[in-house]
Each structure stands twice: as structure tokens, then as C-alpha cells.
Amino acid sequence: MPTRPPETRAQYRHFLPIPTRWMDNDVYGHVNNVVYYSYFDTVINQYLIAEGGLDVAAGEVIGLCVESHCAYARPVAFPDVIDAGLRVAHLGTSSVRYEIGIFAQGHDEASASGWFVHVFVDRGTRKATPVPARMRAALERIKA
């Protein structure tokens, strides 16, 4: 199986430092694979709230995850602080594909990388709806 070159910090437009927690480690002494998806969710939603005006409690439009993937290159472990890198690979009418890199602080190559697809829907009907203008502008700023 051919290997891809590792993702690097320079390929990402936005970063969020996230401290690992004691409970993130598994019996093997490193952050468990499922925890990386919570890091993905955290960097995405922090960006949408801070930059795109997402109102998770009462907004008319919400994002639902319809696809996600993660590839692991090297472990991180508590008490590491990671930097979650974020970029937009594709921005459609009602969907966005984010790409995320998880970097141990001080390292240029990603420990893990993946993608996450949101479809934006009306909170009440759950029918696809266009990405709101403010959110679209914020997503355009981190487009790769």
C-alpha cells in the first residue's frame, strides 16, 4: 500500500490548542483512537461558534456530521497539548468538508489527520439548508 507524505502545519489555516486529559489515554498509554474524533468536533465547532456565528443552543441552522475519517501516524498521550489544525477542502451549498490535522506541540508533522463532513439543516425540519452567509464567509477564510 503506497504511503502519503505526512500532513504538515503549513497546510492548515486555523489552529486550536487542546490539552489532552488523563481519561483520554487508553490501557496502552496513548490517546485512544475514538478521542481524536472529539478533537475534530471541538476544533470545528469552536471555529463555527467564534467565527461563523453558530448558535448551538437556539440557532435555526445546525450542522450534522454525515461522514468522518481519521488516519493515525504517531501517538499522543496525556499530558500532551495538541494543536488541532483546520481547513476547508470543499464548501457546497449546504455542506462542508473539513480537513483536520492533529499535531503534538512543537512538531511539524501531524500525529493524525482526517476529514469531517457537515450538512447544514434546519433545526426543526432537519432538511438541508444553505450555509448561512456569516458562516460561509468564515469557512471561505480557511479554504485550502
N, C-alpha and C. Protein backbone atom coordinates (compact mmCIF):
# COMPACT_ATOMS: atom_id res chain seq x y z
N MET A 1 0.85 -1.18 0.00
CA MET A 1 0.00 0.00 0.00
C MET A 1 0.89 1.24 0.00
N PRO A 2 0.71 2.17 -0.97
CA PRO A 2 1.55 3.36 -1.01
C PRO A 2 1.26 4.27 0.18
N THR A 3 2.28 4.93 0.65
CA THR A 3 2.10 5.85 1.77
C THR A 3 2.08 7.28 1.25
N ARG A 4 1.24 8.09 1.88
CA ARG A 4 1.16 9.51 1.54
C ARG A 4 2.18 10.26 2.37
N PRO A 5 2.68 11.39 1.85
CA PRO A 5 3.55 12.20 2.70
C PRO A 5 2.73 12.73 3.88
N PRO A 6 3.37 12.89 5.03
CA PRO A 6 2.62 13.36 6.20
C PRO A 6 2.10 14.79 6.02
N GLU A 7 0.95 15.04 6.63
CA GLU A 7 0.41 16.39 6.66
C GLU A 7 1.33 17.26 7.52
N THR A 8 1.46 18.54 7.15
CA THR A 8 2.29 19.47 7.92
C THR A 8 1.47 20.68 8.34
N ARG A 9 1.97 21.39 9.34
CA ARG A 9 1.28 22.57 9.86
C ARG A 9 0.98 23.60 8.77
N ALA A 10 1.90 23.75 7.83
CA ALA A 10 1.76 24.77 6.79
C ALA A 10 0.52 24.55 5.93
N GLN A 11 -0.05 23.36 5.96
CA GLN A 11 -1.21 23.04 5.13
C GLN A 11 -2.54 23.46 5.78
N TYR A 12 -2.50 23.98 6.99
CA TYR A 12 -3.72 24.33 7.72
C TYR A 12 -3.82 25.82 7.94
N ARG A 13 -5.06 26.32 8.02
CA ARG A 13 -5.33 27.76 8.11
C ARG A 13 -5.69 28.24 9.52
N HIS A 14 -6.16 27.33 10.37
CA HIS A 14 -6.62 27.70 11.71
C HIS A 14 -6.14 26.63 12.68
N PHE A 15 -5.75 27.05 13.89
CA PHE A 15 -5.29 26.10 14.91
C PHE A 15 -5.96 26.39 16.25
N LEU A 16 -6.23 25.32 16.96
CA LEU A 16 -6.78 25.40 18.31
C LEU A 16 -5.97 24.48 19.22
N PRO A 17 -5.32 25.04 20.26
CA PRO A 17 -4.65 24.15 21.22
C PRO A 17 -5.68 23.43 22.08
N ILE A 18 -5.49 22.14 22.28
CA ILE A 18 -6.40 21.33 23.09
C ILE A 18 -5.56 20.49 24.04
N PRO A 19 -5.73 20.65 25.35
CA PRO A 19 -5.00 19.79 26.28
C PRO A 19 -5.59 18.38 26.29
N THR A 20 -4.73 17.39 26.28
CA THR A 20 -5.24 16.03 26.46
C THR A 20 -5.62 15.87 27.93
N ARG A 21 -6.45 14.89 28.20
CA ARG A 21 -6.90 14.63 29.57
C ARG A 21 -6.44 13.24 29.99
N TRP A 22 -6.33 13.04 31.26
CA TRP A 22 -5.95 11.74 31.81
C TRP A 22 -6.85 10.65 31.23
N MET A 23 -8.13 10.92 31.16
CA MET A 23 -9.08 9.91 30.70
C MET A 23 -9.00 9.64 29.20
N ASP A 24 -8.27 10.48 28.45
CA ASP A 24 -8.11 10.25 27.01
C ASP A 24 -7.22 9.05 26.71
N ASN A 25 -6.27 8.77 27.64
CA ASN A 25 -5.35 7.65 27.43
C ASN A 25 -6.08 6.32 27.60
N ASP A 26 -5.64 5.35 26.82
CA ASP A 26 -6.20 4.01 26.98
C ASP A 26 -5.20 3.13 27.71
N VAL A 27 -5.49 1.87 27.81
CA VAL A 27 -4.65 0.94 28.55
C VAL A 27 -3.25 0.83 27.94
N TYR A 28 -3.10 1.22 26.68
CA TYR A 28 -1.80 1.13 26.01
C TYR A 28 -0.95 2.38 26.23
N GLY A 29 -1.48 3.36 26.97
CA GLY A 29 -0.69 4.53 27.33
C GLY A 29 -0.68 5.65 26.32
N HIS A 30 -1.61 5.64 25.37
CA HIS A 30 -1.72 6.76 24.43
C HIS A 30 -3.20 7.11 24.25
N VAL A 31 -3.43 8.28 23.64
CA VAL A 31 -4.80 8.71 23.42
C VAL A 31 -5.51 7.69 22.55
N ASN A 32 -6.68 7.24 23.01
CA ASN A 32 -7.47 6.24 22.29
C ASN A 32 -7.98 6.81 20.98
N ASN A 33 -8.09 5.95 19.98
CA ASN A 33 -8.49 6.40 18.65
C ASN A 33 -9.80 7.17 18.62
N VAL A 34 -10.78 6.80 19.40
CA VAL A 34 -12.07 7.48 19.33
C VAL A 34 -12.00 8.92 19.83
N VAL A 35 -11.03 9.24 20.65
CA VAL A 35 -10.90 10.58 21.21
C VAL A 35 -10.52 11.59 20.12
N TYR A 36 -9.83 11.13 19.10
CA TYR A 36 -9.44 12.05 18.01
C TYR A 36 -10.67 12.66 17.37
N TYR A 37 -11.76 11.90 17.29
CA TYR A 37 -12.99 12.45 16.72
C TYR A 37 -13.56 13.57 17.58
N SER A 38 -13.37 13.50 18.88
CA SER A 38 -13.81 14.61 19.74
C SER A 38 -12.93 15.83 19.52
N TYR A 39 -11.65 15.62 19.22
CA TYR A 39 -10.78 16.76 18.88
C TYR A 39 -11.26 17.39 17.57
N PHE A 40 -11.64 16.57 16.59
CA PHE A 40 -12.17 17.09 15.33
C PHE A 40 -13.40 17.95 15.59
N ASP A 41 -14.34 17.38 16.34
CA ASP A 41 -15.59 18.08 16.66
C ASP A 41 -15.31 19.39 17.40
N THR A 42 -14.35 19.38 18.30
CA THR A 42 -14.03 20.57 19.09
C THR A 42 -13.47 21.69 18.23
N VAL A 43 -12.47 21.41 17.39
CA VAL A 43 -11.88 22.48 16.58
C VAL A 43 -12.89 23.02 15.58
N ILE A 44 -13.70 22.16 15.00
CA ILE A 44 -14.71 22.61 14.04
C ILE A 44 -15.74 23.50 14.71
N ASN A 45 -16.34 23.02 15.79
CA ASN A 45 -17.42 23.79 16.42
C ASN A 45 -16.92 25.04 17.11
N GLN A 46 -15.71 25.01 17.66
CA GLN A 46 -15.14 26.24 18.24
C GLN A 46 -15.00 27.29 17.15
N TYR A 47 -14.53 26.89 15.98
CA TYR A 47 -14.37 27.84 14.87
C TYR A 47 -15.73 28.36 14.40
N LEU A 48 -16.70 27.46 14.24
CA LEU A 48 -18.02 27.89 13.78
C LEU A 48 -18.69 28.85 14.77
N ILE A 49 -18.53 28.60 16.05
CA ILE A 49 -19.12 29.48 17.08
C ILE A 49 -18.42 30.82 17.09
N ALA A 50 -17.08 30.81 17.17
CA ALA A 50 -16.31 32.05 17.30
C ALA A 50 -16.29 32.88 16.03
N GLU A 51 -16.20 32.23 14.89
CA GLU A 51 -16.02 32.97 13.63
C GLU A 51 -17.26 32.98 12.74
N GLY A 52 -18.09 31.96 12.85
CA GLY A 52 -19.22 31.83 11.94
C GLY A 52 -20.58 32.15 12.52
N GLY A 53 -20.62 32.45 13.83
CA GLY A 53 -21.89 32.81 14.45
C GLY A 53 -22.81 31.65 14.76
N LEU A 54 -22.27 30.42 14.80
CA LEU A 54 -23.12 29.27 15.11
C LEU A 54 -23.68 29.41 16.53
N ASP A 55 -24.99 29.26 16.65
CA ASP A 55 -25.66 29.26 17.94
C ASP A 55 -26.13 27.84 18.19
N VAL A 56 -25.36 27.08 18.97
CA VAL A 56 -25.67 25.66 19.16
C VAL A 56 -26.95 25.44 19.95
N ALA A 57 -27.33 26.41 20.78
CA ALA A 57 -28.50 26.24 21.64
C ALA A 57 -29.80 26.63 20.95
N ALA A 58 -29.77 27.69 20.12
CA ALA A 58 -31.03 28.20 19.61
C ALA A 58 -31.01 28.61 18.14
N GLY A 59 -29.90 28.40 17.45
CA GLY A 59 -29.83 28.79 16.04
C GLY A 59 -30.78 28.01 15.17
N GLU A 60 -31.23 28.64 14.10
CA GLU A 60 -32.16 27.99 13.17
C GLU A 60 -31.47 26.92 12.33
N VAL A 61 -30.16 27.07 12.13
CA VAL A 61 -29.39 26.15 11.30
C VAL A 61 -28.37 25.43 12.16
N ILE A 62 -28.28 24.12 11.99
CA ILE A 62 -27.28 23.31 12.70
C ILE A 62 -26.55 22.43 11.69
N GLY A 63 -25.35 22.00 12.07
CA GLY A 63 -24.58 21.11 11.21
C GLY A 63 -24.65 19.68 11.74
N LEU A 64 -24.95 18.73 10.87
CA LEU A 64 -24.96 17.32 11.24
C LEU A 64 -23.80 16.62 10.55
N CYS A 65 -23.05 15.84 11.30
CA CYS A 65 -21.96 15.06 10.72
C CYS A 65 -22.54 13.89 9.93
N VAL A 66 -22.14 13.79 8.66
CA VAL A 66 -22.61 12.68 7.84
C VAL A 66 -21.48 11.75 7.42
N GLU A 67 -20.24 12.16 7.65
CA GLU A 67 -19.10 11.32 7.31
C GLU A 67 -17.87 11.81 8.06
N SER A 68 -17.04 10.88 8.50
CA SER A 68 -15.77 11.25 9.13
C SER A 68 -14.76 10.13 8.92
N HIS A 69 -13.50 10.50 9.02
CA HIS A 69 -12.40 9.56 8.80
C HIS A 69 -11.18 10.08 9.54
N CYS A 70 -10.35 9.16 10.04
CA CYS A 70 -9.11 9.53 10.70
C CYS A 70 -8.03 8.50 10.37
N ALA A 71 -6.85 8.99 10.03
CA ALA A 71 -5.67 8.14 9.82
C ALA A 71 -4.64 8.54 10.87
N TYR A 72 -4.03 7.55 11.49
CA TYR A 72 -3.12 7.77 12.62
C TYR A 72 -1.69 7.53 12.16
N ALA A 73 -0.79 8.46 12.51
CA ALA A 73 0.61 8.34 12.12
C ALA A 73 1.52 8.05 13.31
N ARG A 74 1.26 8.74 14.43
CA ARG A 74 2.07 8.53 15.63
C ARG A 74 1.23 8.90 16.85
N PRO A 75 1.49 8.30 17.97
CA PRO A 75 0.65 8.53 19.14
C PRO A 75 0.91 9.87 19.84
N VAL A 76 -0.13 10.34 20.50
CA VAL A 76 -0.01 11.40 21.50
C VAL A 76 -0.56 10.82 22.79
N ALA A 77 -0.18 11.44 23.91
CA ALA A 77 -0.60 10.90 25.21
C ALA A 77 -0.70 12.02 26.23
N PHE A 78 -1.56 11.82 27.22
CA PHE A 78 -1.62 12.73 28.36
C PHE A 78 -0.24 12.75 29.00
N PRO A 79 0.30 13.91 29.33
CA PRO A 79 -0.29 15.25 29.42
C PRO A 79 0.01 16.16 28.22
N ASP A 80 0.18 15.60 27.02
CA ASP A 80 0.45 16.43 25.83
C ASP A 80 -0.66 17.46 25.63
N VAL A 81 -0.26 18.57 25.03
CA VAL A 81 -1.22 19.52 24.49
C VAL A 81 -1.08 19.39 22.98
N ILE A 82 -2.20 19.23 22.31
CA ILE A 82 -2.16 19.10 20.85
C ILE A 82 -2.65 20.40 20.23
N ASP A 83 -2.25 20.61 19.00
CA ASP A 83 -2.78 21.70 18.18
C ASP A 83 -3.63 21.04 17.10
N ALA A 84 -4.91 21.37 17.08
CA ALA A 84 -5.80 20.85 16.05
C ALA A 84 -5.83 21.86 14.91
N GLY A 85 -5.34 21.45 13.75
CA GLY A 85 -5.35 22.31 12.57
C GLY A 85 -6.63 22.07 11.78
N LEU A 86 -7.14 23.14 11.17
CA LEU A 86 -8.41 23.06 10.45
C LEU A 86 -8.32 23.80 9.13
N ARG A 87 -8.88 23.18 8.09
CA ARG A 87 -9.03 23.84 6.80
C ARG A 87 -10.31 23.32 6.16
N VAL A 88 -10.81 24.05 5.18
CA VAL A 88 -11.98 23.62 4.42
C VAL A 88 -11.50 23.12 3.07
N ALA A 89 -11.85 21.89 2.74
CA ALA A 89 -11.48 21.30 1.46
C ALA A 89 -12.55 21.53 0.40
N HIS A 90 -13.82 21.55 0.83
CA HIS A 90 -14.92 21.75 -0.11
C HIS A 90 -16.06 22.46 0.61
N LEU A 91 -16.60 23.47 -0.04
CA LEU A 91 -17.74 24.20 0.51
C LEU A 91 -18.85 24.21 -0.54
N GLY A 92 -19.92 23.46 -0.24
CA GLY A 92 -21.05 23.39 -1.16
C GLY A 92 -22.16 24.32 -0.72
N THR A 93 -23.34 24.12 -1.26
CA THR A 93 -24.49 24.95 -0.90
C THR A 93 -24.91 24.72 0.54
N SER A 94 -25.01 23.45 0.93
CA SER A 94 -25.46 23.13 2.29
C SER A 94 -24.49 22.22 3.03
N SER A 95 -23.33 21.96 2.45
CA SER A 95 -22.39 21.06 3.11
C SER A 95 -20.98 21.62 3.07
N VAL A 96 -20.16 21.09 3.96
CA VAL A 96 -18.75 21.47 4.01
C VAL A 96 -17.93 20.24 4.39
N ARG A 97 -16.80 20.09 3.74
CA ARG A 97 -15.86 19.04 4.11
C ARG A 97 -14.64 19.72 4.72
N TYR A 98 -14.46 19.47 6.00
CA TYR A 98 -13.31 19.99 6.73
C TYR A 98 -12.19 18.95 6.66
N GLU A 99 -10.96 19.41 6.74
CA GLU A 99 -9.83 18.52 6.94
C GLU A 99 -9.12 18.98 8.19
N ILE A 100 -8.73 18.02 9.01
CA ILE A 100 -8.18 18.31 10.33
C ILE A 100 -6.85 17.58 10.48
N GLY A 101 -5.88 18.28 11.06
CA GLY A 101 -4.61 17.67 11.41
C GLY A 101 -4.40 17.80 12.91
N ILE A 102 -3.97 16.74 13.55
CA ILE A 102 -3.69 16.75 14.98
C ILE A 102 -2.17 16.74 15.15
N PHE A 103 -1.64 17.78 15.76
CA PHE A 103 -0.21 17.96 15.89
C PHE A 103 0.19 18.01 17.36
N ALA A 104 1.20 17.23 17.73
CA ALA A 104 1.79 17.40 19.06
C ALA A 104 2.50 18.75 19.03
N GLN A 105 2.37 19.52 20.10
CA GLN A 105 3.01 20.84 20.12
C GLN A 105 4.51 20.68 19.90
N GLY A 106 5.04 21.55 19.05
CA GLY A 106 6.46 21.50 18.74
C GLY A 106 6.79 20.60 17.57
N HIS A 107 5.80 19.90 17.01
CA HIS A 107 6.04 19.00 15.88
C HIS A 107 5.36 19.56 14.63
N ASP A 108 6.05 19.47 13.51
CA ASP A 108 5.54 19.99 12.26
C ASP A 108 4.69 18.97 11.51
N GLU A 109 4.92 17.67 11.75
CA GLU A 109 4.16 16.63 11.06
C GLU A 109 3.00 16.15 11.93
N ALA A 110 1.88 15.90 11.29
CA ALA A 110 0.67 15.51 12.00
C ALA A 110 0.80 14.13 12.65
N SER A 111 0.29 14.01 13.85
CA SER A 111 0.16 12.71 14.51
C SER A 111 -1.03 11.95 13.96
N ALA A 112 -2.02 12.68 13.49
CA ALA A 112 -3.21 12.10 12.87
C ALA A 112 -3.82 13.14 11.94
N SER A 113 -4.53 12.68 10.94
CA SER A 113 -5.23 13.61 10.06
C SER A 113 -6.50 12.94 9.55
N GLY A 114 -7.45 13.76 9.17
CA GLY A 114 -8.70 13.19 8.71
C GLY A 114 -9.63 14.23 8.13
N TRP A 115 -10.88 13.81 7.93
CA TRP A 115 -11.89 14.73 7.43
C TRP A 115 -13.19 14.51 8.17
N PHE A 116 -14.07 15.49 7.98
CA PHE A 116 -15.35 15.53 8.69
C PHE A 116 -16.29 16.30 7.78
N VAL A 117 -17.44 15.74 7.45
CA VAL A 117 -18.40 16.41 6.57
C VAL A 117 -19.64 16.79 7.37
N HIS A 118 -19.98 18.08 7.31
CA HIS A 118 -21.21 18.59 7.89
C HIS A 118 -22.21 18.85 6.77
N VAL A 119 -23.47 18.51 6.99
CA VAL A 119 -24.57 19.01 6.18
C VAL A 119 -25.36 19.93 7.09
N PHE A 120 -25.59 21.14 6.64
CA PHE A 120 -26.35 22.10 7.43
C PHE A 120 -27.83 21.91 7.15
N VAL A 121 -28.59 21.86 8.25
CA VAL A 121 -30.02 21.60 8.16
C VAL A 121 -30.79 22.58 9.01
N ASP A 122 -32.06 22.72 8.70
CA ASP A 122 -32.98 23.49 9.53
C ASP A 122 -33.16 22.72 10.84
N ARG A 123 -33.02 23.40 11.97
CA ARG A 123 -33.10 22.73 13.27
C ARG A 123 -34.42 21.98 13.45
N GLY A 124 -35.52 22.55 13.01
CA GLY A 124 -36.83 21.94 13.23
C GLY A 124 -37.16 20.83 12.25
N THR A 125 -36.93 21.07 10.97
CA THR A 125 -37.34 20.10 9.95
C THR A 125 -36.26 19.07 9.63
N ARG A 126 -35.01 19.40 9.95
CA ARG A 126 -33.84 18.56 9.62
C ARG A 126 -33.66 18.41 8.10
N LYS A 127 -34.19 19.36 7.34
CA LYS A 127 -33.98 19.38 5.90
C LYS A 127 -32.78 20.26 5.58
N ALA A 128 -32.00 19.84 4.58
CA ALA A 128 -30.82 20.59 4.17
C ALA A 128 -31.19 22.04 3.87
N THR A 129 -30.30 22.94 4.28
CA THR A 129 -30.50 24.36 4.08
C THR A 129 -29.16 24.99 3.73
N PRO A 130 -29.16 26.09 2.98
CA PRO A 130 -27.88 26.72 2.64
C PRO A 130 -27.09 27.15 3.88
N VAL A 131 -25.77 27.07 3.76
CA VAL A 131 -24.89 27.56 4.82
C VAL A 131 -25.15 29.05 4.98
N PRO A 132 -25.45 29.52 6.21
CA PRO A 132 -25.70 30.95 6.41
C PRO A 132 -24.53 31.83 5.96
N ALA A 133 -24.83 33.04 5.52
CA ALA A 133 -23.84 33.94 4.92
C ALA A 133 -22.62 34.18 5.83
N ARG A 134 -22.84 34.49 7.11
CA ARG A 134 -21.71 34.75 8.01
C ARG A 134 -20.84 33.50 8.16
N MET A 135 -21.47 32.35 8.28
CA MET A 135 -20.73 31.10 8.41
C MET A 135 -19.97 30.79 7.12
N ARG A 136 -20.62 31.00 5.98
CA ARG A 136 -19.96 30.78 4.68
C ARG A 136 -18.71 31.65 4.56
N ALA A 137 -18.82 32.90 4.96
CA ALA A 137 -17.65 33.81 4.87
C ALA A 137 -16.52 33.31 5.76
N ALA A 138 -16.85 32.83 6.96
CA ALA A 138 -15.82 32.29 7.86
C ALA A 138 -15.18 31.04 7.27
N LEU A 139 -15.96 30.19 6.66
CA LEU A 139 -15.44 28.97 6.06
C LEU A 139 -14.57 29.28 4.84
N GLU A 140 -14.95 30.28 4.06
CA GLU A 140 -14.15 30.69 2.91
C GLU A 140 -12.75 31.14 3.35
N ARG A 141 -12.66 31.75 4.55
CA ARG A 141 -11.36 32.25 5.04
C ARG A 141 -10.36 31.13 5.31
N ILE A 142 -10.84 29.92 5.56
CA ILE A 142 -9.91 28.83 5.86
C ILE A 142 -9.92 27.76 4.77
N LYS A 143 -10.41 28.14 3.61
CA LYS A 143 -10.46 27.21 2.48
C LYS A 143 -9.05 26.96 1.96
N ALA A 144 -8.77 25.70 1.68
CA ALA A 144 -7.43 25.32 1.18
C ALA A 144 -7.34 25.57 -0.31
